[in-house]
Amino acid sequence: MLAMLCLVSTSGAVNNATASENGGASGLAPASLPATNGEPAPMNESSYRNFLSTVQSMYREDFNYSGGVLEDYVNKTISEKDAMVATTSIFILTSHSVALLETNKPPAAYASAYNNTFQALINLRAFLWNMSKFYETSKNAYLVQARKNLNDSVSYYKIGQGELTSSQPNS
């Protein structure tokens, strides 16, 4: 129980980032990007900055929703099964964000912000998988690993967001 409360206390780390920085998620989906030979067309720096900001908004949404599921579980307002199903759904959404980021490689000016945002999403996805396994099995080993993944995810996110905020596009 103490480990779960420690996880809940970490959720405030990203909640302080405002979704209004980019007006929230813009509903960007891979099909909305122009494609050439099955590959998305390269984006200029300004477009990529907006794209990466949108992906970071999606990260915040997934992070915040997963914190809500955990809080509901700790407060015993949802069952293990419901928590597992909800967390698995967020895992799928986060996997979509990872795939979206993978298919849109950054211009050189955003390579570091891309890498940190990518690592934040990969670790968030690992956190969600471990939490789903915890809800399924009640094995604390999954909770311990989830905590590590969550801490790593938040660290990468903060660095990536800082890089995006401080960078200025050349176009």
C-alpha atoms as a PDB file:
ATOM      1  CA  MET A   1       0.000   0.000   0.000  1.00  0.00           C
ATOM      2  CA  LEU A   2       2.875   2.362   0.812  1.00  0.00           C
ATOM      3  CA  ALA A   3       4.354   1.780  -2.640  1.00  0.00           C
ATOM      4  CA  MET A   4       1.031   2.732  -4.252  1.00  0.00           C
ATOM      5  CA  LEU A   5       0.853   5.930  -2.227  1.00  0.00           C
ATOM      6  CA  CYS A   6       4.388   6.803  -3.335  1.00  0.00           C
ATOM      7  CA  LEU A   7       3.292   6.366  -6.944  1.00  0.00           C
ATOM      8  CA  VAL A   8       0.287   8.615  -6.397  1.00  0.00           C
ATOM      9  CA  SER A   9       2.484  11.354  -4.942  1.00  0.00           C
ATOM     10  CA  THR A  10       4.580  11.437  -8.119  1.00  0.00           C
ATOM     11  CA  SER A  11       1.588  12.274 -10.306  1.00  0.00           C
ATOM     12  CA  GLY A  12       1.788  15.970  -9.427  1.00  0.00           C
ATOM     13  CA  ALA A  13       5.119  16.259 -11.239  1.00  0.00           C
ATOM     14  CA  VAL A  14       3.534  16.497 -14.659  1.00  0.00           C
ATOM     15  CA  ASN A  15       0.141  17.854 -13.621  1.00  0.00           C
ATOM     16  CA  ASN A  16       1.768  21.250 -13.178  1.00  0.00           C
ATOM     17  CA  ALA A  17       2.535  21.421 -16.911  1.00  0.00           C
ATOM     18  CA  THR A  18      -0.366  23.145 -18.592  1.00  0.00           C
ATOM     19  CA  ALA A  19      -2.095  21.592 -21.546  1.00  0.00           C
ATOM     20  CA  SER A  20      -2.892  25.091 -22.736  1.00  0.00           C
ATOM     21  CA  GLU A  21       0.715  25.596 -23.850  1.00  0.00           C
ATOM     22  CA  ASN A  22      -0.307  24.179 -27.191  1.00  0.00           C
ATOM     23  CA  GLY A  23      -4.051  24.513 -26.779  1.00  0.00           C
ATOM     24  CA  GLY A  24      -4.220  20.856 -25.758  1.00  0.00           C
ATOM     25  CA  ALA A  25      -4.070  17.983 -28.195  1.00  0.00           C
ATOM     26  CA  SER A  26      -5.033  18.875 -31.723  1.00  0.00           C
ATOM     27  CA  GLY A  27      -6.307  15.469 -32.775  1.00  0.00           C
ATOM     28  CA  LEU A  28      -3.196  14.901 -34.892  1.00  0.00           C
ATOM     29  CA  ALA A  29      -3.184  11.439 -36.407  1.00  0.00           C
ATOM     30  CA  PRO A  30      -0.805   9.806 -38.874  1.00  0.00           C
ATOM     31  CA  ALA A  31      -3.417   9.972 -41.645  1.00  0.00           C
ATOM     32  CA  SER A  32      -3.459  13.767 -41.378  1.00  0.00           C
ATOM     33  CA  LEU A  33       0.163  14.028 -42.461  1.00  0.00           C
ATOM     34  CA  PRO A  34       1.006  14.210 -46.178  1.00  0.00           C
ATOM     35  CA  ALA A  35       2.781  11.051 -47.285  1.00  0.00           C
ATOM     36  CA  THR A  36       5.217  10.260 -50.057  1.00  0.00           C
ATOM     37  CA  ASN A  37       5.872   6.596 -50.894  1.00  0.00           C
ATOM     38  CA  GLY A  38       4.292   5.552 -47.610  1.00  0.00           C
ATOM     39  CA  GLU A  39       6.531   7.888 -45.593  1.00  0.00           C
ATOM     40  CA  PRO A  40       5.402  11.149 -43.997  1.00  0.00           C
ATOM     41  CA  ALA A  41       6.761  14.213 -45.734  1.00  0.00           C
ATOM     42  CA  PRO A  42       9.559  15.875 -43.763  1.00  0.00           C
ATOM     43  CA  MET A  43       8.368  18.764 -41.618  1.00  0.00           C
ATOM     44  CA  ASN A  44      10.033  22.126 -41.391  1.00  0.00           C
ATOM     45  CA  GLU A  45      11.227  23.203 -37.943  1.00  0.00           C
ATOM     46  CA  SER A  46       8.131  25.236 -37.129  1.00  0.00           C
ATOM     47  CA  SER A  47       5.786  22.396 -38.069  1.00  0.00           C
ATOM     48  CA  TYR A  48       7.880  19.885 -36.160  1.00  0.00           C
ATOM     49  CA  ARG A  49       7.859  22.093 -33.068  1.00  0.00           C
ATOM     50  CA  ASN A  50       4.035  22.129 -33.174  1.00  0.00           C
ATOM     51  CA  PHE A  51       3.945  18.378 -33.780  1.00  0.00           C
ATOM     52  CA  LEU A  52       6.273  17.638 -30.858  1.00  0.00           C
ATOM     53  CA  SER A  53       4.284  19.967 -28.616  1.00  0.00           C
ATOM     54  CA  THR A  54       1.145  18.016 -29.535  1.00  0.00           C
ATOM     55  CA  VAL A  55       2.848  14.707 -28.710  1.00  0.00           C
ATOM     56  CA  GLN A  56       3.901  16.130 -25.353  1.00  0.00           C
ATOM     57  CA  SER A  57       0.276  17.143 -24.719  1.00  0.00           C
ATOM     58  CA  MET A  58      -0.764  13.564 -25.472  1.00  0.00           C
ATOM     59  CA  TYR A  59       1.854  12.398 -22.955  1.00  0.00           C
ATOM     60  CA  ARG A  60       0.381  14.680 -20.278  1.00  0.00           C
ATOM     61  CA  GLU A  61      -3.133  13.415 -20.988  1.00  0.00           C
ATOM     62  CA  ASP A  62      -2.052   9.765 -20.707  1.00  0.00           C
ATOM     63  CA  PHE A  63      -0.001  10.500 -17.585  1.00  0.00           C
ATOM     64  CA  ASN A  64      -2.833  12.359 -15.877  1.00  0.00           C
ATOM     65  CA  TYR A  65      -5.445   9.745 -16.744  1.00  0.00           C
ATOM     66  CA  SER A  66      -3.217   6.931 -15.453  1.00  0.00           C
ATOM     67  CA  GLY A  67      -2.808   8.868 -12.201  1.00  0.00           C
ATOM     68  CA  GLY A  68      -6.591   9.085 -11.931  1.00  0.00           C
ATOM     69  CA  VAL A  69      -6.905   5.323 -12.377  1.00  0.00           C
ATOM     70  CA  LEU A  70      -4.289   4.744  -9.694  1.00  0.00           C
ATOM     71  CA  GLU A  71      -5.995   7.171  -7.335  1.00  0.00           C
ATOM     72  CA  ASP A  72      -9.349   5.443  -7.879  1.00  0.00           C
ATOM     73  CA  TYR A  73      -7.710   2.079  -7.200  1.00  0.00           C
ATOM     74  CA  VAL A  74      -6.042   3.309  -3.997  1.00  0.00           C
ATOM     75  CA  ASN A  75      -9.359   4.808  -2.866  1.00  0.00           C
ATOM     76  CA  LYS A  76     -11.042   1.486  -3.689  1.00  0.00           C
ATOM     77  CA  THR A  77     -13.563   3.093  -6.038  1.00  0.00           C
ATOM     78  CA  ILE A  78     -12.617   0.691  -8.853  1.00  0.00           C
ATOM     79  CA  SER A  79     -11.699  -2.981  -8.871  1.00  0.00           C
ATOM     80  CA  GLU A  80      -8.376  -4.498  -9.906  1.00  0.00           C
ATOM     81  CA  LYS A  81      -9.976  -5.661 -13.139  1.00  0.00           C
ATOM     82  CA  ASP A  82     -11.361  -2.217 -13.973  1.00  0.00           C
ATOM     83  CA  ALA A  83      -7.995  -0.606 -13.153  1.00  0.00           C
ATOM     84  CA  MET A  84      -6.244  -3.139 -15.390  1.00  0.00           C
ATOM     85  CA  VAL A  85      -8.638  -2.501 -18.286  1.00  0.00           C
ATOM     86  CA  ALA A  86      -8.367   1.281 -17.959  1.00  0.00           C
ATOM     87  CA  THR A  87      -4.568   1.160 -17.699  1.00  0.00           C
ATOM     88  CA  THR A  88      -4.336  -1.179 -20.685  1.00  0.00           C
ATOM     89  CA  SER A  89      -6.403   1.307 -22.697  1.00  0.00           C
ATOM     90  CA  ILE A  90      -3.978   4.091 -21.773  1.00  0.00           C
ATOM     91  CA  PHE A  91      -1.097   1.766 -22.693  1.00  0.00           C
ATOM     92  CA  ILE A  92      -2.600   1.451 -26.190  1.00  0.00           C
ATOM     93  CA  LEU A  93      -2.969   5.238 -26.506  1.00  0.00           C
ATOM     94  CA  THR A  94       0.623   5.767 -25.364  1.00  0.00           C
ATOM     95  CA  SER A  95       1.786   3.130 -27.855  1.00  0.00           C
ATOM     96  CA  HIS A  96       0.040   5.146 -30.566  1.00  0.00           C
ATOM     97  CA  SER A  97       1.952   8.252 -29.467  1.00  0.00           C
ATOM     98  CA  VAL A  98       5.231   6.296 -29.614  1.00  0.00           C
ATOM     99  CA  ALA A  99       4.419   5.098 -33.138  1.00  0.00           C
ATOM    100  CA  LEU A 100       3.455   8.603 -34.221  1.00  0.00           C
ATOM    101  CA  LEU A 101       6.733   9.982 -32.929  1.00  0.00           C
ATOM    102  CA  GLU A 102       8.726   7.173 -34.569  1.00  0.00           C
ATOM    103  CA  THR A 103       7.253   7.895 -37.992  1.00  0.00           C
ATOM    104  CA  ASN A 104       8.081  11.603 -37.887  1.00  0.00           C
ATOM    105  CA  LYS A 105      11.818  12.042 -37.440  1.00  0.00           C
ATOM    106  CA  PRO A 106      12.954  15.453 -36.231  1.00  0.00           C
ATOM    107  CA  PRO A 107      14.951  18.131 -37.971  1.00  0.00           C
ATOM    108  CA  ALA A 108      18.418  18.506 -36.383  1.00  0.00           C
ATOM    109  CA  ALA A 109      17.254  21.424 -34.207  1.00  0.00           C
ATOM    110  CA  TYR A 110      14.779  19.152 -32.388  1.00  0.00           C
ATOM    111  CA  ALA A 111      16.782  15.915 -32.181  1.00  0.00           C
ATOM    112  CA  SER A 112      17.430  16.154 -28.434  1.00  0.00           C
ATOM    113  CA  ALA A 113      13.851  17.190 -27.571  1.00  0.00           C
ATOM    114  CA  TYR A 114      12.643  14.294 -29.761  1.00  0.00           C
ATOM    115  CA  ASN A 115      14.930  11.793 -27.993  1.00  0.00           C
ATOM    116  CA  ASN A 116      13.866  12.912 -24.528  1.00  0.00           C
ATOM    117  CA  THR A 117      10.173  12.955 -25.442  1.00  0.00           C
ATOM    118  CA  PHE A 118      10.554   9.498 -27.001  1.00  0.00           C
ATOM    119  CA  GLN A 119      12.218   8.149 -23.836  1.00  0.00           C
ATOM    120  CA  ALA A 120       9.492   9.742 -21.702  1.00  0.00           C
ATOM    121  CA  LEU A 121       6.837   7.921 -23.738  1.00  0.00           C
ATOM    122  CA  ILE A 122       8.724   4.596 -23.732  1.00  0.00           C
ATOM    123  CA  ASN A 123       9.061   4.756 -19.948  1.00  0.00           C
ATOM    124  CA  LEU A 124       5.428   5.819 -19.524  1.00  0.00           C
ATOM    125  CA  ARG A 125       4.403   2.851 -21.638  1.00  0.00           C
ATOM    126  CA  ALA A 126       6.566   0.524 -19.485  1.00  0.00           C
ATOM    127  CA  PHE A 127       5.001   2.067 -16.347  1.00  0.00           C
ATOM    128  CA  LEU A 128       1.521   1.376 -17.726  1.00  0.00           C
ATOM    129  CA  TRP A 129       2.405  -2.213 -18.620  1.00  0.00           C
ATOM    130  CA  ASN A 130       3.814  -2.841 -15.136  1.00  0.00           C
ATOM    131  CA  MET A 131       0.774  -1.264 -13.491  1.00  0.00           C
ATOM    132  CA  SER A 132      -1.534  -3.419 -15.619  1.00  0.00           C
ATOM    133  CA  LYS A 133       0.408  -6.492 -14.523  1.00  0.00           C
ATOM    134  CA  PHE A 134       0.212  -5.347 -10.901  1.00  0.00           C
ATOM    135  CA  TYR A 135      -3.562  -4.891 -11.134  1.00  0.00           C
ATOM    136  CA  GLU A 136      -3.790  -8.344 -12.711  1.00  0.00           C
ATOM    137  CA  THR A 137      -1.491 -10.219 -10.309  1.00  0.00           C
ATOM    138  CA  SER A 138      -1.078  -8.044  -7.160  1.00  0.00           C
ATOM    139  CA  LYS A 139       2.674  -8.804  -7.293  1.00  0.00           C
ATOM    140  CA  ASN A 140       4.661  -5.970  -5.757  1.00  0.00           C
ATOM    141  CA  ALA A 141       7.626  -6.549  -8.103  1.00  0.00           C
ATOM    142  CA  TYR A 142       5.551  -4.937 -10.865  1.00  0.00           C
ATOM    143  CA  LEU A 143       4.870  -1.952  -8.620  1.00  0.00           C
ATOM    144  CA  VAL A 144       8.577  -1.493  -7.874  1.00  0.00           C
ATOM    145  CA  GLN A 145       9.447  -1.528 -11.568  1.00  0.00           C
ATOM    146  CA  ALA A 146       6.523   0.776 -12.372  1.00  0.00           C
ATOM    147  CA  ARG A 147       7.862   3.319  -9.894  1.00  0.00           C
ATOM    148  CA  LYS A 148      11.273   3.299 -11.616  1.00  0.00           C
ATOM    149  CA  ASN A 149       9.647   3.659 -15.039  1.00  0.00           C
ATOM    150  CA  LEU A 150       7.478   6.518 -13.833  1.00  0.00           C
ATOM    151  CA  ASN A 151      10.408   8.410 -12.311  1.00  0.00           C
ATOM    152  CA  ASP A 152      12.459   7.953 -15.496  1.00  0.00           C
ATOM    153  CA  SER A 153       9.509   9.022 -17.627  1.00  0.00           C
ATOM    154  CA  VAL A 154       8.948  12.230 -15.673  1.00  0.00           C
ATOM    155  CA  SER A 155      12.672  13.059 -15.799  1.00  0.00           C
ATOM    156  CA  TYR A 156      12.833  12.634 -19.582  1.00  0.00           C
ATOM    157  CA  TYR A 157       9.590  14.543 -20.049  1.00  0.00           C
ATOM    158  CA  LYS A 158      10.828  17.537 -18.068  1.00  0.00           C
ATOM    159  CA  ILE A 159      14.068  17.655 -20.052  1.00  0.00           C
ATOM    160  CA  GLY A 160      12.264  17.276 -23.397  1.00  0.00           C
ATOM    161  CA  GLN A 161       9.702  19.915 -22.533  1.00  0.00           C
ATOM    162  CA  GLY A 162      12.426  22.290 -21.370  1.00  0.00           C
ATOM    163  CA  GLU A 163      14.299  21.792 -24.622  1.00  0.00           C
ATOM    164  CA  LEU A 164      11.174  22.387 -26.665  1.00  0.00           C
ATOM    165  CA  THR A 165      10.284  25.497 -24.676  1.00  0.00           C
ATOM    166  CA  SER A 166      13.771  26.979 -24.982  1.00  0.00           C
ATOM    167  CA  SER A 167      14.349  26.184 -28.674  1.00  0.00           C
ATOM    168  CA  GLN A 168      13.412  28.585 -31.425  1.00  0.00           C
ATOM    169  CA  PRO A 169      12.694  27.366 -34.963  1.00  0.00           C
ATOM    170  CA  ASN A 170      14.781  28.857 -37.789  1.00  0.00           C
ATOM    171  CA  SER A 171      11.886  28.878 -40.264  1.00  0.00           C
END
